[in-house]
Protein backbone atom coordinates (compact mmCIF):
# COMPACT_ATOMS: atom_id res chain seq x y z
CA MET A 1 99.37 87.82 60.90
CA LYS A 2 96.33 86.12 62.40
CA ASN A 3 97.38 87.11 65.95
CA LYS A 4 97.85 90.71 64.82
CA ILE A 5 94.32 90.80 63.40
CA ILE A 6 92.93 89.38 66.67
CA LEU A 7 94.73 92.07 68.69
CA ILE A 8 93.42 94.82 66.42
CA MET A 9 89.88 93.46 66.68
CA ALA A 10 90.16 93.26 70.50
CA PHE A 11 91.40 96.84 70.62
CA VAL A 12 88.53 98.05 68.42
CA ILE A 13 85.98 96.14 70.49
CA GLY A 14 87.45 97.62 73.68
CA LEU A 15 87.21 101.13 72.26
CA ALA A 16 83.63 100.50 71.20
CA ALA A 17 82.73 99.21 74.66
CA ALA A 18 84.37 102.20 76.36
CA GLY A 19 82.59 104.56 73.99
CA GLY A 20 79.29 102.84 74.68
CA ILE A 21 79.75 103.16 78.44
CA TYR A 22 80.70 106.82 78.06
CA LEU A 23 77.62 107.56 75.96
CA TYR A 24 75.45 105.68 78.45
CA LEU A 25 76.80 107.70 81.36
CA GLN A 26 76.38 110.93 79.41
CA ASN A 27 72.76 110.06 78.61
CA LEU A 28 72.21 109.08 82.25
CA GLN A 29 73.64 112.41 83.37
CA LYS A 30 71.41 114.32 80.95
CA THR A 31 68.39 112.36 82.18
CA TYR A 32 69.12 113.25 85.81
CA GLN A 33 69.85 116.87 84.90
CA LEU A 34 66.56 117.17 83.02
CA LYS A 35 64.78 115.76 86.05
CA GLY A 36 66.70 118.11 88.32
CA ASP A 37 68.01 115.12 90.31
CA PHE A 38 71.65 116.19 90.44
CA ILE A 39 73.23 117.56 93.62
CA LYS A 40 76.59 119.30 93.91
CA VAL A 41 78.75 117.48 96.43
CA VAL A 42 82.23 118.16 97.81
CA VAL A 43 84.72 115.50 96.65
CA ALA A 44 88.44 115.06 97.14
CA ARG A 45 90.70 116.03 94.24
CA GLN A 46 93.54 114.04 95.76
CA ARG A 47 94.22 111.64 98.58
CA ILE A 48 93.81 113.54 101.85
CA PRO A 49 95.54 111.70 104.71
CA ALA A 50 94.09 111.51 108.22
CA LYS A 51 94.83 114.45 110.53
CA THR A 52 95.28 116.82 107.57
CA GLN A 53 93.86 120.33 107.49
CA ILE A 54 91.90 120.57 104.25
CA ALA A 55 92.86 123.38 101.86
CA ALA A 56 90.66 124.68 99.04
CA ASN A 57 92.86 123.11 96.35
CA MET A 58 92.33 119.63 97.81
CA ILE A 59 88.61 119.54 97.03
CA GLU A 60 86.10 120.39 94.31
CA LEU A 61 82.35 120.41 93.76
CA LYS A 62 80.89 117.76 91.47
CA ASP A 63 77.38 116.91 90.31
CA PHE A 64 76.14 113.56 91.62
CA PRO A 65 72.78 111.86 90.96
CA SER A 66 70.72 112.41 94.10
CA ASP A 67 70.28 108.65 94.51
CA TYR A 68 74.04 108.27 94.88
CA VAL A 69 74.71 111.14 97.29
CA ASN A 70 75.58 110.10 100.83
CA GLU A 71 73.30 111.85 103.31
CA ARG A 72 76.38 112.85 105.35
CA ALA A 73 78.22 114.37 102.36
CA ALA A 74 79.25 118.04 102.50
CA VAL A 75 77.55 120.17 99.83
CA ASP A 76 79.44 123.41 100.43
CA ALA A 77 83.21 123.99 100.41
CA LYS A 78 82.81 126.16 103.53
CA GLU A 79 81.84 123.03 105.47
CA VAL A 80 85.19 121.46 104.63
CA VAL A 81 87.99 123.98 104.12
CA GLY A 82 90.04 124.43 107.29
CA LYS A 83 88.70 121.26 108.91
CA VAL A 84 90.95 118.38 109.99
CA THR A 85 90.31 114.89 108.66
CA LYS A 86 89.76 112.03 111.08
CA SER A 87 90.61 109.38 108.45
CA ASP A 88 91.97 109.11 104.91
CA ILE A 89 89.79 110.43 102.06
CA LEU A 90 90.52 109.01 98.61
CA PRO A 91 90.52 110.90 95.29
CA GLY A 92 86.99 111.34 93.94
CA GLU A 93 85.43 110.28 97.23
CA GLN A 94 82.59 112.30 98.70
CA VAL A 95 83.74 114.23 101.78
CA LEU A 96 81.52 113.15 104.68
CA ARG A 97 80.90 115.55 107.57
CA ASP A 98 81.41 112.88 110.22
CA ARG A 99 84.94 112.24 108.94
CA LEU A 100 85.95 115.79 109.77
CA ALA A 101 86.92 117.05 113.20
CA GLY A 102 84.42 119.56 114.58
CA ASP A 103 85.46 122.79 116.32
CA ASN A 104 84.07 121.88 119.75
CA GLU A 105 84.16 118.12 119.49
CA SER A 106 85.92 115.94 122.05
CA PHE A 107 88.05 113.51 120.07
CA GLU A 108 89.39 110.09 120.87
CA SER A 109 92.84 111.36 119.91
CA LEU A 110 94.28 114.20 121.98
CA SER A 111 96.33 115.24 118.94
CA PHE A 112 93.28 117.02 117.49
CA GLN A 113 93.33 119.45 120.41
CA ILE A 114 96.97 120.48 120.00
CA SER A 115 97.51 123.61 117.95
CA PRO A 116 100.13 123.54 115.14
CA GLY A 117 103.68 123.95 116.41
CA SER A 118 102.81 122.76 119.91
CA ARG A 119 103.35 119.46 121.72
CA ALA A 120 101.55 117.69 124.55
CA VAL A 121 103.68 116.97 127.63
CA THR A 122 102.43 115.17 130.71
CA VAL A 123 103.93 115.91 134.13
CA ALA A 124 103.32 114.28 137.49
CA VAL A 125 101.70 116.46 140.16
CA ASN A 126 100.39 116.09 143.68
CA GLU A 127 97.73 117.91 145.68
CA VAL A 128 99.93 120.97 146.17
CA SER A 129 101.78 121.23 142.85
CA GLY A 130 98.58 120.43 140.94
CA LEU A 131 96.58 123.28 142.54
CA ALA A 132 94.57 121.02 144.85
CA GLY A 133 92.50 119.67 141.97
CA LEU A 134 91.05 123.10 141.15
CA VAL A 135 92.64 123.43 137.70
CA LYS A 136 90.49 122.21 134.78
CA PRO A 137 91.11 121.35 131.12
CA GLY A 138 90.99 124.60 129.15
CA ASP A 139 92.62 126.65 131.93
CA ARG A 140 95.99 128.30 131.36
CA VAL A 141 98.89 128.03 133.76
CA ASP A 142 102.46 129.10 134.40
CA VAL A 143 104.98 126.55 135.67
CA LEU A 144 107.54 127.27 138.39
CA GLY A 145 110.58 125.03 138.70
CA THR A 146 112.73 124.54 141.78
CA PHE A 147 116.14 122.88 141.56
CA ASP A 148 119.56 122.86 143.19
CA LEU A 149 122.58 124.59 141.67
CA GLN A 150 126.02 123.24 142.39
CA GLY A 151 128.08 125.92 144.14
CA ALA A 152 131.71 126.77 143.53
CA VAL A 153 134.46 124.72 145.16
CA GLY A 154 133.98 124.84 148.91
CA GLN A 155 130.47 126.28 148.67
CA GLU A 156 127.18 124.56 149.31
CA LYS A 157 124.46 123.95 146.77
CA SER A 158 121.97 126.74 146.29
CA SER A 159 118.25 126.18 145.72
CA VAL A 160 116.70 128.23 142.89
CA THR A 161 113.12 128.77 141.76
CA SER A 162 112.52 129.97 138.19
CA LEU A 163 109.48 130.73 136.09
CA LEU A 164 110.00 128.01 133.47
CA ILE A 165 107.08 128.60 131.10
CA GLN A 166 104.08 130.92 130.97
CA ASN A 167 100.52 130.99 129.65
CA VAL A 168 100.24 127.37 128.47
CA ASP A 169 96.98 125.49 127.96
CA VAL A 170 95.92 122.60 130.16
CA LEU A 171 94.85 119.80 127.79
CA SER A 172 93.87 117.15 130.30
CA ILE A 173 93.74 116.29 133.98
CA ASP A 174 94.70 112.66 134.39
CA GLN A 175 92.71 111.23 131.43
CA ALA A 176 89.90 113.80 131.42
CA THR A 177 90.10 116.16 128.43
CA ASN A 178 87.18 118.44 129.33
CA SER A 179 85.60 119.97 132.41
CA ALA A 180 82.49 117.80 132.15
CA GLN A 181 84.61 114.68 132.55
CA THR A 182 86.47 116.08 135.54
CA ASN A 183 83.19 117.16 137.19
CA SER A 184 81.71 113.69 136.72
CA GLN A 185 84.58 112.04 138.57
CA ASP A 186 84.32 111.08 142.22
CA LYS A 187 84.23 114.26 144.28
CA LYS A 188 86.52 112.68 146.87
CA ALA A 189 89.24 112.15 144.29
CA THR A 190 89.89 115.84 143.68
CA SER A 191 93.68 115.68 143.44
CA ALA A 192 95.16 115.01 140.03
CA HIS A 193 98.08 112.65 139.53
CA THR A 194 99.08 113.92 136.09
CA ILE A 195 98.44 117.04 134.05
CA THR A 196 99.02 117.34 130.31
CA LEU A 197 100.09 120.73 128.98
CA SER A 198 100.29 122.17 125.45
CA VAL A 199 103.79 123.58 125.04
CA THR A 200 106.28 124.41 122.31
CA PRO A 201 109.30 122.11 121.83
CA GLU A 202 111.48 124.84 123.36
CA GLN A 203 109.25 124.93 126.45
CA ALA A 204 109.11 121.15 126.70
CA GLN A 205 112.84 120.76 127.37
CA PRO A 206 113.17 122.81 130.59
CA LEU A 207 109.79 121.53 131.77
CA VAL A 208 110.81 117.89 131.46
CA LEU A 209 114.31 118.49 132.85
CA CYS A 210 113.01 120.23 135.96
CA SER A 211 110.21 117.70 136.53
CA GLU A 212 112.80 114.90 136.38
CA LYS A 213 115.71 116.49 138.27
CA GLY A 214 113.93 119.08 140.42
CA SER A 215 110.31 119.86 141.23
CA ILE A 216 107.60 121.87 139.54
CA ARG A 217 104.50 123.73 140.67
CA LEU A 218 101.62 125.00 138.58
CA VAL A 219 100.41 128.59 138.89
CA LEU A 220 96.85 129.19 137.67
CA ARG A 221 96.36 132.28 135.50
CA PRO A 222 93.22 134.49 135.46
CA ALA A 223 90.91 133.61 132.58
CA THR A 224 91.55 136.93 130.80
CA ASP A 225 95.28 137.33 131.53
CA ASN A 226 97.63 136.49 128.65
CA ASP A 227 100.52 138.78 129.62
CA ILE A 228 104.06 137.44 129.69
CA VAL A 229 106.20 138.78 132.55
CA ASN A 230 109.96 138.99 132.92
CA LEU A 231 110.86 137.62 136.33
CA PRO A 232 114.38 136.82 137.58
CA SER A 233 115.05 133.55 139.37
CA THR A 234 114.90 133.52 143.16
CA LYS A 235 117.72 131.97 145.21
CA MET A 236 117.55 130.75 148.76
CA ASN A 237 120.02 133.34 150.07
CA GLN A 238 117.83 136.14 148.69
CA LEU A 239 115.16 135.21 151.24
CA ILE A 240 117.47 136.17 154.09
CA ARG A 241 117.45 139.87 154.87
């Protein structure tokens, strides 16, 4: 019986303490509101993992005492919705601008530059296949592939060139992800060794196969040309008239 009374008393004391804290916070909030010292800040409604595009239902605006608002906190939902997080944001946490990926920012992770549904694939190139070092990150290219086809019994192999993929973005040249980085490199070292392209999974397969078992060559597209062309493969015997 004595233990039961102690538990009841502890419960009542706990409720009283919680009620006291609640009343204190309410009074504190009223004091700040009367002084006009509250600022609406964007906070996370839920845990938002890194590399997540923020939707409107993931955030909300809450009043915070000005003394407790981080100077980097977003104060408008428009600053946040549609942005990609660089790191995890916890429920109730203020959403800081520097934890969101900017539109024109160069990120440590290349994954921020890949559009949804695409993949980054790196291929080896030389001075000729890599356009003599004239292609830059942000350009768009087509990729030609040349490979040998096994002929029928008693016939020789036939070399074929096909337009493997078209109108894909160049993400990086070697390890440079923007033109400023490529321009700052040694002028003598103009030829790239690797080029990373943004492709779909369906485009990645023939690209990788041909780069491993045949050879590829980049074709630079005009800056304003996005047209896709239908072009049949070319065989060696077609070159002989």
